[in-house]
Amino acid sequence: MSMFIRAFLLVIAILYVHADNAGNDGITCAFCKAGLASMTQQIQSNNDVMAQMGESISQGCDQVPNELQRRACRLTLDDNFPLFLQNFLQQPGTSADDFCKDMGYC
């Protein structure tokens, strides 16, 4: 997993822990939303990160018992991860506003 993905996951975990345990310790709603929106934009604009995330997610295809279908699953996710992520981010409840609200910052 790339350093950028690890850093992104660490920031999300820290934001969640702070929201849960520290009564928002100086992290404002605006800071949370701006940070998550910026990270999302940076991820989507970096082809290497998108490829690494697609590769990581496609490893779930290893659970498919049929080898031909398993390969097709991996290729589909590897090649189309940007589209999957874009569609995920358009779903209700997946915006930076929604995540920050769920974590207690807004």
PDB file of N, CA and C in Angstrom:
ATOM      1  N   MET A   1       0.852  -1.165   0.000  1.00  0.00           N
ATOM      2  CA  MET A   1       0.000   0.000   0.000  1.00  0.00           C
ATOM      3  C   MET A   1       0.901   1.232   0.000  1.00  0.00           C
ATOM      4  N   SER A   2       0.569   2.210  -0.825  1.00  0.00           N
ATOM      5  CA  SER A   2       1.438   3.373  -0.943  1.00  0.00           C
ATOM      6  C   SER A   2       1.407   4.219   0.320  1.00  0.00           C
ATOM      7  N   MET A   3       2.416   5.046   0.442  1.00  0.00           N
ATOM      8  CA  MET A   3       2.535   5.933   1.593  1.00  0.00           C
ATOM      9  C   MET A   3       1.363   6.908   1.633  1.00  0.00           C
ATOM     10  N   PHE A   4       0.911   7.390   0.467  1.00  0.00           N
ATOM     11  CA  PHE A   4      -0.196   8.343   0.425  1.00  0.00           C
ATOM     12  C   PHE A   4      -1.487   7.709   0.936  1.00  0.00           C
ATOM     13  N   ILE A   5      -1.750   6.474   0.530  1.00  0.00           N
ATOM     14  CA  ILE A   5      -2.957   5.788   0.985  1.00  0.00           C
ATOM     15  C   ILE A   5      -2.887   5.561   2.485  1.00  0.00           C
ATOM     16  N   ARG A   6      -1.730   5.151   2.982  1.00  0.00           N
ATOM     17  CA  ARG A   6      -1.569   4.954   4.428  1.00  0.00           C
ATOM     18  C   ARG A   6      -1.782   6.259   5.177  1.00  0.00           C
ATOM     19  N   ALA A   7      -1.238   7.354   4.647  1.00  0.00           N
ATOM     20  CA  ALA A   7      -1.410   8.658   5.295  1.00  0.00           C
ATOM     21  C   ALA A   7      -2.880   9.057   5.293  1.00  0.00           C
ATOM     22  N   PHE A   8      -3.563   8.814   4.180  1.00  0.00           N
ATOM     23  CA  PHE A   8      -4.987   9.133   4.088  1.00  0.00           C
ATOM     24  C   PHE A   8      -5.785   8.354   5.129  1.00  0.00           C
ATOM     25  N   LEU A   9      -5.528   7.058   5.232  1.00  0.00           N
ATOM     26  CA  LEU A   9      -6.238   6.233   6.207  1.00  0.00           C
ATOM     27  C   LEU A   9      -5.907   6.649   7.631  1.00  0.00           C
ATOM     28  N   LEU A  10      -4.660   7.048   7.879  1.00  0.00           N
ATOM     29  CA  LEU A  10      -4.266   7.511   9.206  1.00  0.00           C
ATOM     30  C   LEU A  10      -4.994   8.795   9.571  1.00  0.00           C
ATOM     31  N   VAL A  11      -5.097   9.724   8.631  1.00  0.00           N
ATOM     32  CA  VAL A  11      -5.809  10.977   8.897  1.00  0.00           C
ATOM     33  C   VAL A  11      -7.271  10.698   9.209  1.00  0.00           C
ATOM     34  N   ILE A  12      -7.902   9.820   8.448  1.00  0.00           N
ATOM     35  CA  ILE A  12      -9.301   9.467   8.705  1.00  0.00           C
ATOM     36  C   ILE A  12      -9.440   8.863  10.096  1.00  0.00           C
ATOM     37  N   ALA A  13      -8.550   7.952  10.451  1.00  0.00           N
ATOM     38  CA  ALA A  13      -8.607   7.321  11.775  1.00  0.00           C
ATOM     39  C   ALA A  13      -8.411   8.348  12.877  1.00  0.00           C
ATOM     40  N   ILE A  14      -7.463   9.256  12.703  1.00  0.00           N
ATOM     41  CA  ILE A  14      -7.219  10.287  13.720  1.00  0.00           C
ATOM     42  C   ILE A  14      -8.431  11.189  13.863  1.00  0.00           C
ATOM     43  N   LEU A  15      -9.003  11.607  12.744  1.00  0.00           N
ATOM     44  CA  LEU A  15     -10.200  12.448  12.813  1.00  0.00           C
ATOM     45  C   LEU A  15     -11.325  11.728  13.545  1.00  0.00           C
ATOM     46  N   TYR A  16     -11.498  10.443  13.254  1.00  0.00           N
ATOM     47  CA  TYR A  16     -12.561   9.681  13.902  1.00  0.00           C
ATOM     48  C   TYR A  16     -12.312   9.541  15.399  1.00  0.00           C
ATOM     49  N   VAL A  17     -11.090   9.215  15.783  1.00  0.00           N
ATOM     50  CA  VAL A  17     -10.763   9.055  17.205  1.00  0.00           C
ATOM     51  C   VAL A  17     -10.942  10.370  17.941  1.00  0.00           C
ATOM     52  N   HIS A  18     -10.475  11.460  17.350  1.00  0.00           N
ATOM     53  CA  HIS A  18     -10.640  12.754  18.005  1.00  0.00           C
ATOM     54  C   HIS A  18     -12.109  13.112  18.161  1.00  0.00           C
ATOM     55  N   ALA A  19     -12.900  12.842  17.156  1.00  0.00           N
ATOM     56  CA  ALA A  19     -14.328  13.155  17.244  1.00  0.00           C
ATOM     57  C   ALA A  19     -14.992  12.319  18.311  1.00  0.00           C
ATOM     58  N   ASP A  20     -14.572  11.066  18.414  1.00  0.00           N
ATOM     59  CA  ASP A  20     -15.191  10.144  19.352  1.00  0.00           C
ATOM     60  C   ASP A  20     -14.746  10.392  20.789  1.00  0.00           C
ATOM     61  N   ASN A  21     -13.465  10.718  20.994  1.00  0.00           N
ATOM     62  CA  ASN A  21     -12.910  10.769  22.343  1.00  0.00           C
ATOM     63  C   ASN A  21     -12.604  12.151  22.886  1.00  0.00           C
ATOM     64  N   ALA A  22     -12.408  13.120  22.054  1.00  0.00           N
ATOM     65  CA  ALA A  22     -11.868  14.375  22.547  1.00  0.00           C
ATOM     66  C   ALA A  22     -12.804  15.560  22.403  1.00  0.00           C
ATOM     67  N   GLY A  23     -14.057  15.335  22.141  1.00  0.00           N
ATOM     68  CA  GLY A  23     -14.980  16.450  22.019  1.00  0.00           C
ATOM     69  C   GLY A  23     -14.564  17.449  20.956  1.00  0.00           C
ATOM     70  N   ASN A  24     -14.018  16.985  19.874  1.00  0.00           N
ATOM     71  CA  ASN A  24     -13.638  17.763  18.696  1.00  0.00           C
ATOM     72  C   ASN A  24     -12.405  18.621  18.875  1.00  0.00           C
ATOM     73  N   ASP A  25     -11.675  18.551  19.941  1.00  0.00           N
ATOM     74  CA  ASP A  25     -10.373  19.187  20.198  1.00  0.00           C
ATOM     75  C   ASP A  25      -9.858  20.122  19.111  1.00  0.00           C
ATOM     76  N   GLY A  26     -10.560  21.169  18.810  1.00  0.00           N
ATOM     77  CA  GLY A  26     -10.067  22.170  17.884  1.00  0.00           C
ATOM     78  C   GLY A  26     -10.314  21.880  16.420  1.00  0.00           C
ATOM     79  N   ILE A  27     -10.781  20.715  16.070  1.00  0.00           N
ATOM     80  CA  ILE A  27     -11.097  20.426  14.671  1.00  0.00           C
ATOM     81  C   ILE A  27     -12.509  20.919  14.416  1.00  0.00           C
ATOM     82  N   THR A  28     -12.609  21.890  13.536  1.00  0.00           N
ATOM     83  CA  THR A  28     -13.913  22.475  13.241  1.00  0.00           C
ATOM     84  C   THR A  28     -14.591  21.712  12.110  1.00  0.00           C
ATOM     85  N   CYS A  29     -15.859  21.973  11.968  1.00  0.00           N
ATOM     86  CA  CYS A  29     -16.627  21.380  10.875  1.00  0.00           C
ATOM     87  C   CYS A  29     -16.008  21.778   9.532  1.00  0.00           C
ATOM     88  N   ALA A  30     -15.681  23.050   9.388  1.00  0.00           N
ATOM     89  CA  ALA A  30     -15.109  23.538   8.128  1.00  0.00           C
ATOM     90  C   ALA A  30     -13.760  22.878   7.839  1.00  0.00           C
ATOM     91  N   PHE A  31     -12.931  22.701   8.877  1.00  0.00           N
ATOM     92  CA  PHE A  31     -11.628  22.058   8.705  1.00  0.00           C
ATOM     93  C   PHE A  31     -11.805  20.615   8.251  1.00  0.00           C
ATOM     94  N   CYS A  32     -12.722  19.907   8.879  1.00  0.00           N
ATOM     95  CA  CYS A  32     -12.987  18.515   8.525  1.00  0.00           C
ATOM     96  C   CYS A  32     -13.434  18.409   7.069  1.00  0.00           C
ATOM     97  N   LYS A  33     -14.423  19.218   6.687  1.00  0.00           N
ATOM     98  CA  LYS A  33     -14.954  19.159   5.322  1.00  0.00           C
ATOM     99  C   LYS A  33     -13.891  19.521   4.289  1.00  0.00           C
ATOM    100  N   ALA A  34     -13.139  20.572   4.568  1.00  0.00           N
ATOM    101  CA  ALA A  34     -12.106  21.004   3.623  1.00  0.00           C
ATOM    102  C   ALA A  34     -11.011  19.945   3.504  1.00  0.00           C
ATOM    103  N   GLY A  35     -10.625  19.354   4.621  1.00  0.00           N
ATOM    104  CA  GLY A  35      -9.584  18.327   4.601  1.00  0.00           C
ATOM    105  C   GLY A  35      -9.997  17.098   3.819  1.00  0.00           C
ATOM    106  N   LEU A  36     -11.200  16.607   4.082  1.00  0.00           N
ATOM    107  CA  LEU A  36     -11.667  15.411   3.370  1.00  0.00           C
ATOM    108  C   LEU A  36     -11.881  15.693   1.888  1.00  0.00           C
ATOM    109  N   ALA A  37     -12.436  16.860   1.569  1.00  0.00           N
ATOM    110  CA  ALA A  37     -12.648  17.213   0.162  1.00  0.00           C
ATOM    111  C   ALA A  37     -11.307  17.322  -0.567  1.00  0.00           C
ATOM    112  N   SER A  38     -10.318  17.917   0.091  1.00  0.00           N
ATOM    113  CA  SER A  38      -8.995  18.058  -0.512  1.00  0.00           C
ATOM    114  C   SER A  38      -8.338  16.697  -0.730  1.00  0.00           C
ATOM    115  N   MET A  39      -8.419  15.826   0.267  1.00  0.00           N
ATOM    116  CA  MET A  39      -7.826  14.490   0.122  1.00  0.00           C
ATOM    117  C   MET A  39      -8.492  13.712  -1.003  1.00  0.00           C
ATOM    118  N   THR A  40      -9.819  13.806  -1.086  1.00  0.00           N
ATOM    119  CA  THR A  40     -10.550  13.103  -2.142  1.00  0.00           C
ATOM    120  C   THR A  40     -10.105  13.595  -3.515  1.00  0.00           C
ATOM    121  N   GLN A  41      -9.986  14.916  -3.655  1.00  0.00           N
ATOM    122  CA  GLN A  41      -9.558  15.494  -4.929  1.00  0.00           C
ATOM    123  C   GLN A  41      -8.135  15.060  -5.265  1.00  0.00           C
ATOM    124  N   GLN A  42      -7.252  15.049  -4.271  1.00  0.00           N
ATOM    125  CA  GLN A  42      -5.864  14.646  -4.514  1.00  0.00           C
ATOM    126  C   GLN A  42      -5.779  13.183  -4.936  1.00  0.00           C
ATOM    127  N   ILE A  43      -6.568  12.345  -4.306  1.00  0.00           N
ATOM    128  CA  ILE A  43      -6.577  10.926  -4.668  1.00  0.00           C
ATOM    129  C   ILE A  43      -7.062  10.755  -6.104  1.00  0.00           C
ATOM    130  N   GLN A  44      -8.175  11.412  -6.432  1.00  0.00           N
ATOM    131  CA  GLN A  44      -8.750  11.252  -7.765  1.00  0.00           C
ATOM    132  C   GLN A  44      -7.859  11.828  -8.864  1.00  0.00           C
ATOM    133  N   SER A  45      -7.034  12.803  -8.542  1.00  0.00           N
ATOM    134  CA  SER A  45      -6.190  13.417  -9.570  1.00  0.00           C
ATOM    135  C   SER A  45      -4.823  12.743  -9.697  1.00  0.00           C
ATOM    136  N   ASN A  46      -4.546  11.739  -8.874  1.00  0.00           N
ATOM    137  CA  ASN A  46      -3.257  11.052  -8.918  1.00  0.00           C
ATOM    138  C   ASN A  46      -3.460   9.646  -9.490  1.00  0.00           C
ATOM    139  N   ASN A  47      -3.064   9.474 -10.743  1.00  0.00           N
ATOM    140  CA  ASN A  47      -3.283   8.193 -11.423  1.00  0.00           C
ATOM    141  C   ASN A  47      -2.581   7.029 -10.733  1.00  0.00           C
ATOM    142  N   ASP A  48      -1.404   7.270 -10.175  1.00  0.00           N
ATOM    143  CA  ASP A  48      -0.680   6.194  -9.489  1.00  0.00           C
ATOM    144  C   ASP A  48      -1.435   5.733  -8.244  1.00  0.00           C
ATOM    145  N   VAL A  49      -1.953   6.686  -7.482  1.00  0.00           N
ATOM    146  CA  VAL A  49      -2.718   6.336  -6.276  1.00  0.00           C
ATOM    147  C   VAL A  49      -3.991   5.597  -6.661  1.00  0.00           C
ATOM    148  N   MET A  50      -4.667   6.080  -7.700  1.00  0.00           N
ATOM    149  CA  MET A  50      -5.894   5.414  -8.142  1.00  0.00           C
ATOM    150  C   MET A  50      -5.588   3.979  -8.577  1.00  0.00           C
ATOM    151  N   ALA A  51      -4.491   3.776  -9.279  1.00  0.00           N
ATOM    152  CA  ALA A  51      -4.116   2.427  -9.720  1.00  0.00           C
ATOM    153  C   ALA A  51      -3.804   1.533  -8.519  1.00  0.00           C
ATOM    154  N   GLN A  52      -3.107   2.073  -7.533  1.00  0.00           N
ATOM    155  CA  GLN A  52      -2.774   1.289  -6.342  1.00  0.00           C
ATOM    156  C   GLN A  52      -4.030   0.930  -5.549  1.00  0.00           C
ATOM    157  N   MET A  53      -4.959   1.865  -5.447  1.00  0.00           N
ATOM    158  CA  MET A  53      -6.205   1.570  -4.733  1.00  0.00           C
ATOM    159  C   MET A  53      -7.009   0.519  -5.485  1.00  0.00           C
ATOM    160  N   GLY A  54      -7.062   0.624  -6.820  1.00  0.00           N
ATOM    161  CA  GLY A  54      -7.756  -0.378  -7.621  1.00  0.00           C
ATOM    162  C   GLY A  54      -7.146  -1.753  -7.440  1.00  0.00           C
ATOM    163  N   GLU A  55      -5.822  -1.807  -7.425  1.00  0.00           N
ATOM    164  CA  GLU A  55      -5.118  -3.078  -7.219  1.00  0.00           C
ATOM    165  C   GLU A  55      -5.433  -3.654  -5.839  1.00  0.00           C
ATOM    166  N   SER A  56      -5.423  -2.813  -4.827  1.00  0.00           N
ATOM    167  CA  SER A  56      -5.721  -3.278  -3.460  1.00  0.00           C
ATOM    168  C   SER A  56      -7.146  -3.807  -3.355  1.00  0.00           C
ATOM    169  N   ILE A  57      -8.082  -3.088  -3.933  1.00  0.00           N
ATOM    170  CA  ILE A  57      -9.485  -3.501  -3.846  1.00  0.00           C
ATOM    171  C   ILE A  57      -9.734  -4.758  -4.667  1.00  0.00           C
ATOM    172  N   SER A  58      -9.043  -4.883  -5.797  1.00  0.00           N
ATOM    173  CA  SER A  58      -9.264  -6.057  -6.650  1.00  0.00           C
ATOM    174  C   SER A  58      -8.796  -7.347  -5.986  1.00  0.00           C
ATOM    175  N   GLN A  59      -8.012  -7.255  -4.934  1.00  0.00           N
ATOM    176  CA  GLN A  59      -7.584  -8.454  -4.221  1.00  0.00           C
ATOM    177  C   GLN A  59      -8.777  -9.182  -3.594  1.00  0.00           C
ATOM    178  N   GLY A  60      -9.875  -8.473  -3.387  1.00  0.00           N
ATOM    179  CA  GLY A  60     -11.095  -9.120  -2.905  1.00  0.00           C
ATOM    180  C   GLY A  60     -11.627 -10.139  -3.898  1.00  0.00           C
ATOM    181  N   CYS A  61     -11.235 -10.010  -5.155  1.00  0.00           N
ATOM    182  CA  CYS A  61     -11.660 -10.958  -6.186  1.00  0.00           C
ATOM    183  C   CYS A  61     -11.064 -12.341  -5.956  1.00  0.00           C
ATOM    184  N   ASP A  62     -10.036 -12.429  -5.131  1.00  0.00           N
ATOM    185  CA  ASP A  62      -9.408 -13.723  -4.864  1.00  0.00           C
ATOM    186  C   ASP A  62     -10.374 -14.696  -4.194  1.00  0.00           C
ATOM    187  N   GLN A  63     -11.482 -14.200  -3.692  1.00  0.00           N
ATOM    188  CA  GLN A  63     -12.489 -15.054  -3.063  1.00  0.00           C
ATOM    189  C   GLN A  63     -13.363 -15.768  -4.093  1.00  0.00           C
ATOM    190  N   VAL A  64     -13.314 -15.321  -5.350  1.00  0.00           N
ATOM    191  CA  VAL A  64     -14.118 -15.935  -6.414  1.00  0.00           C
ATOM    192  C   VAL A  64     -13.499 -17.288  -6.758  1.00  0.00           C
ATOM    193  N   PRO A  65     -14.272 -18.385  -6.634  1.00  0.00           N
ATOM    194  CA  PRO A  65     -13.697 -19.718  -6.827  1.00  0.00           C
ATOM    195  C   PRO A  65     -13.287 -20.031  -8.270  1.00  0.00           C
ATOM    196  N   ASN A  66     -14.010 -19.544  -9.250  1.00  0.00           N
ATOM    197  CA  ASN A  66     -13.713 -19.829 -10.648  1.00  0.00           C
ATOM    198  C   ASN A  66     -12.556 -18.941 -11.118  1.00  0.00           C
ATOM    199  N   GLU A  67     -11.483 -19.567 -11.626  1.00  0.00           N
ATOM    200  CA  GLU A  67     -10.278 -18.815 -11.995  1.00  0.00           C
ATOM    201  C   GLU A  67     -10.532 -17.785 -13.090  1.00  0.00           C
ATOM    202  N   LEU A  68     -11.300 -18.139 -14.105  1.00  0.00           N
ATOM    203  CA  LEU A  68     -11.586 -17.209 -15.195  1.00  0.00           C
ATOM    204  C   LEU A  68     -12.370 -16.001 -14.682  1.00  0.00           C
ATOM    205  N   GLN A  69     -13.383 -16.259 -13.853  1.00  0.00           N
ATOM    206  CA  GLN A  69     -14.167 -15.165 -13.276  1.00  0.00           C
ATOM    207  C   GLN A  69     -13.325 -14.328 -12.310  1.00  0.00           C
ATOM    208  N   ARG A  70     -12.426 -14.980 -11.585  1.00  0.00           N
ATOM    209  CA  ARG A  70     -11.543 -14.274 -10.651  1.00  0.00           C
ATOM    210  C   ARG A  70     -10.657 -13.287 -11.423  1.00  0.00           C
ATOM    211  N   ARG A  71     -10.080 -13.749 -12.538  1.00  0.00           N
ATOM    212  CA  ARG A  71      -9.244 -12.862 -13.361  1.00  0.00           C
ATOM    213  C   ARG A  71     -10.060 -11.708 -13.938  1.00  0.00           C
ATOM    214  N   ALA A  72     -11.258 -12.026 -14.417  1.00  0.00           N
ATOM    215  CA  ALA A  72     -12.121 -10.982 -14.979  1.00  0.00           C
ATOM    216  C   ALA A  72     -12.485  -9.949 -13.915  1.00  0.00           C
ATOM    217  N   CYS A  73     -12.761 -10.419 -12.718  1.00  0.00           N
ATOM    218  CA  CYS A  73     -13.081  -9.528 -11.602  1.00  0.00           C
ATOM    219  C   CYS A  73     -11.912  -8.583 -11.328  1.00  0.00           C
ATOM    220  N   ARG A  74     -10.713  -9.135 -11.232  1.00  0.00           N
ATOM    221  CA  ARG A  74      -9.519  -8.318 -10.941  1.00  0.00           C
ATOM    222  C   ARG A  74      -9.273  -7.294 -12.050  1.00  0.00           C
ATOM    223  N   LEU A  75      -9.368  -7.731 -13.302  1.00  0.00           N
ATOM    224  CA  LEU A  75      -9.147  -6.806 -14.416  1.00  0.00           C
ATOM    225  C   LEU A  75     -10.183  -5.691 -14.427  1.00  0.00           C
ATOM    226  N   THR A  76     -11.430  -6.054 -14.162  1.00  0.00           N
ATOM    227  CA  THR A  76     -12.495  -5.056 -14.144  1.00  0.00           C
ATOM    228  C   THR A  76     -12.235  -4.005 -13.080  1.00  0.00           C
ATOM    229  N   LEU A  77     -11.898  -4.444 -11.868  1.00  0.00           N
ATOM    230  CA  LEU A  77     -11.639  -3.486 -10.792  1.00  0.00           C
ATOM    231  C   LEU A  77     -10.351  -2.703 -11.029  1.00  0.00           C
ATOM    232  N   ASP A  78      -9.315  -3.373 -11.504  1.00  0.00           N
ATOM    233  CA  ASP A  78      -8.057  -2.670 -11.789  1.00  0.00           C
ATOM    234  C   ASP A  78      -8.272  -1.575 -12.835  1.00  0.00           C
ATOM    235  N   ASP A  79      -8.969  -1.919 -13.905  1.00  0.00           N
ATOM    236  CA  ASP A  79      -9.139  -0.994 -15.027  1.00  0.00           C
ATOM    237  C   ASP A  79     -10.185   0.085 -14.781  1.00  0.00           C
ATOM    238  N   ASN A  80     -11.157  -0.192 -13.921  1.00  0.00           N
ATOM    239  CA  ASN A  80     -12.288   0.722 -13.766  1.00  0.00           C
ATOM    240  C   ASN A  80     -12.416   1.326 -12.377  1.00  0.00           C
ATOM    241  N   PHE A  81     -11.384   1.221 -11.544  1.00  0.00           N
ATOM    242  CA  PHE A  81     -11.500   1.748 -10.192  1.00  0.00           C
ATOM    243  C   PHE A  81     -11.878   3.230 -10.156  1.00  0.00           C
ATOM    244  N   PRO A  82     -11.308   4.093 -11.021  1.00  0.00           N
ATOM    245  CA  PRO A  82     -11.721   5.502 -10.974  1.00  0.00           C
ATOM    246  C   PRO A  82     -13.230   5.681 -11.157  1.00  0.00           C
ATOM    247  N   LEU A  83     -13.825   4.905 -12.040  1.00  0.00           N
ATOM    248  CA  LEU A  83     -15.268   4.977 -12.251  1.00  0.00           C
ATOM    249  C   LEU A  83     -16.028   4.489 -11.021  1.00  0.00           C
ATOM    250  N   PHE A  84     -15.569   3.379 -10.414  1.00  0.00           N
ATOM    251  CA  PHE A  84     -16.211   2.877  -9.197  1.00  0.00           C
ATOM    252  C   PHE A  84     -16.141   3.920  -8.082  1.00  0.00           C
ATOM    253  N   LEU A  85     -14.974   4.545  -7.900  1.00  0.00           N
ATOM    254  CA  LEU A  85     -14.825   5.545  -6.841  1.00  0.00           C
ATOM    255  C   LEU A  85     -15.708   6.750  -7.110  1.00  0.00           C
ATOM    256  N   GLN A  86     -15.730   7.208  -8.348  1.00  0.00           N
ATOM    257  CA  GLN A  86     -16.562   8.357  -8.702  1.00  0.00           C
ATOM    258  C   GLN A  86     -18.032   8.065  -8.414  1.00  0.00           C
ATOM    259  N   ASN A  87     -18.506   6.888  -8.798  1.00  0.00           N
ATOM    260  CA  ASN A  87     -19.899   6.524  -8.533  1.00  0.00           C
ATOM    261  C   ASN A  87     -20.168   6.390  -7.039  1.00  0.00           C
ATOM    262  N   PHE A  88     -19.216   5.830  -6.287  1.00  0.00           N
ATOM    263  CA  PHE A  88     -19.373   5.726  -4.835  1.00  0.00           C
ATOM    264  C   PHE A  88     -19.525   7.110  -4.216  1.00  0.00           C
ATOM    265  N   LEU A  89     -18.689   8.046  -4.646  1.00  0.00           N
ATOM    266  CA  LEU A  89     -18.709   9.384  -4.059  1.00  0.00           C
ATOM    267  C   LEU A  89     -19.966  10.163  -4.418  1.00  0.00           C
ATOM    268  N   GLN A  90     -20.706   9.703  -5.414  1.00  0.00           N
ATOM    269  CA  GLN A  90     -21.951  10.361  -5.797  1.00  0.00           C
ATOM    270  C   GLN A  90     -23.155   9.805  -5.047  1.00  0.00           C
ATOM    271  N   GLN A  91     -22.957   8.750  -4.280  1.00  0.00           N
ATOM    272  CA  GLN A  91     -24.056   8.134  -3.538  1.00  0.00           C
ATOM    273  C   GLN A  91     -24.394   8.969  -2.309  1.00  0.00           C
ATOM    274  N   PRO A  92     -25.662   8.959  -1.899  1.00  0.00           N
ATOM    275  CA  PRO A  92     -26.040   9.681  -0.680  1.00  0.00           C
ATOM    276  C   PRO A  92     -25.251   9.155   0.518  1.00  0.00           C
ATOM    277  N   GLY A  93     -24.823  10.069   1.360  1.00  0.00           N
ATOM    278  CA  GLY A  93     -24.132   9.695   2.584  1.00  0.00           C
ATOM    279  C   GLY A  93     -22.633   9.529   2.447  1.00  0.00           C
ATOM    280  N   THR A  94     -22.060   9.845   1.275  1.00  0.00           N
ATOM    281  CA  THR A  94     -20.623   9.633   1.085  1.00  0.00           C
ATOM    282  C   THR A  94     -19.848  10.929   0.862  1.00  0.00           C
ATOM    283  N   SER A  95     -20.472  12.062   1.058  1.00  0.00           N
ATOM    284  CA  SER A  95     -19.766  13.330   0.863  1.00  0.00           C
ATOM    285  C   SER A  95     -18.930  13.670   2.090  1.00  0.00           C
ATOM    286  N   ALA A  96     -18.023  14.625   1.921  1.00  0.00           N
ATOM    287  CA  ALA A  96     -17.225  15.099   3.059  1.00  0.00           C
ATOM    288  C   ALA A  96     -18.155  15.634   4.143  1.00  0.00           C
ATOM    289  N   ASP A  97     -19.216  16.335   3.749  1.00  0.00           N
ATOM    290  CA  ASP A  97     -20.192  16.845   4.727  1.00  0.00           C
ATOM    291  C   ASP A  97     -20.789  15.704   5.543  1.00  0.00           C
ATOM    292  N   ASP A  98     -21.181  14.634   4.852  1.00  0.00           N
ATOM    293  CA  ASP A  98     -21.800  13.492   5.534  1.00  0.00           C
ATOM    294  C   ASP A  98     -20.819  12.808   6.483  1.00  0.00           C
ATOM    295  N   PHE A  99     -19.586  12.576   6.028  1.00  0.00           N
ATOM    296  CA  PHE A  99     -18.595  11.923   6.884  1.00  0.00           C
ATOM    297  C   PHE A  99     -18.279  12.776   8.109  1.00  0.00           C
ATOM    298  N   CYS A 100     -18.118  14.077   7.910  1.00  0.00           N
ATOM    299  CA  CYS A 100     -17.800  14.955   9.045  1.00  0.00           C
ATOM    300  C   CYS A 100     -18.962  15.017  10.031  1.00  0.00           C
ATOM    301  N   LYS A 101     -20.169  14.979   9.515  1.00  0.00           N
ATOM    302  CA  LYS A 101     -21.340  14.951  10.400  1.00  0.00           C
ATOM    303  C   LYS A 101     -21.370  13.641  11.183  1.00  0.00           C
ATOM    304  N   ASP A 102     -21.128  12.525  10.502  1.00  0.00           N
ATOM    305  CA  ASP A 102     -21.125  11.214  11.163  1.00  0.00           C
ATOM    306  C   ASP A 102     -20.038  11.113  12.233  1.00  0.00           C
ATOM    307  N   MET A 103     -18.907  11.802  12.020  1.00  0.00           N
ATOM    308  CA  MET A 103     -17.817  11.757  12.989  1.00  0.00           C
ATOM    309  C   MET A 103     -18.010  12.759  14.126  1.00  0.00           C
ATOM    310  N   GLY A 104     -19.066  13.575  14.038  1.00  0.00           N
ATOM    311  CA  GLY A 104     -19.377  14.498  15.121  1.00  0.00           C
ATOM    312  C   GLY A 104     -18.744  15.871  15.018  1.00  0.00           C
ATOM    313  N   TYR A 105     -18.191  16.216  13.863  1.00  0.00           N
ATOM    314  CA  TYR A 105     -17.581  17.535  13.703  1.00  0.00           C
ATOM    315  C   TYR A 105     -18.576  18.586  13.235  1.00  0.00           C
ATOM    316  N   CYS A 106     -19.668  18.175  12.667  1.00  0.00           N
ATOM    317  CA  CYS A 106     -20.653  19.124  12.135  1.00  0.00           C
ATOM    318  C   CYS A 106     -22.035  18.836  12.710  1.00  0.00           C
TER     319      CYS A 106
END
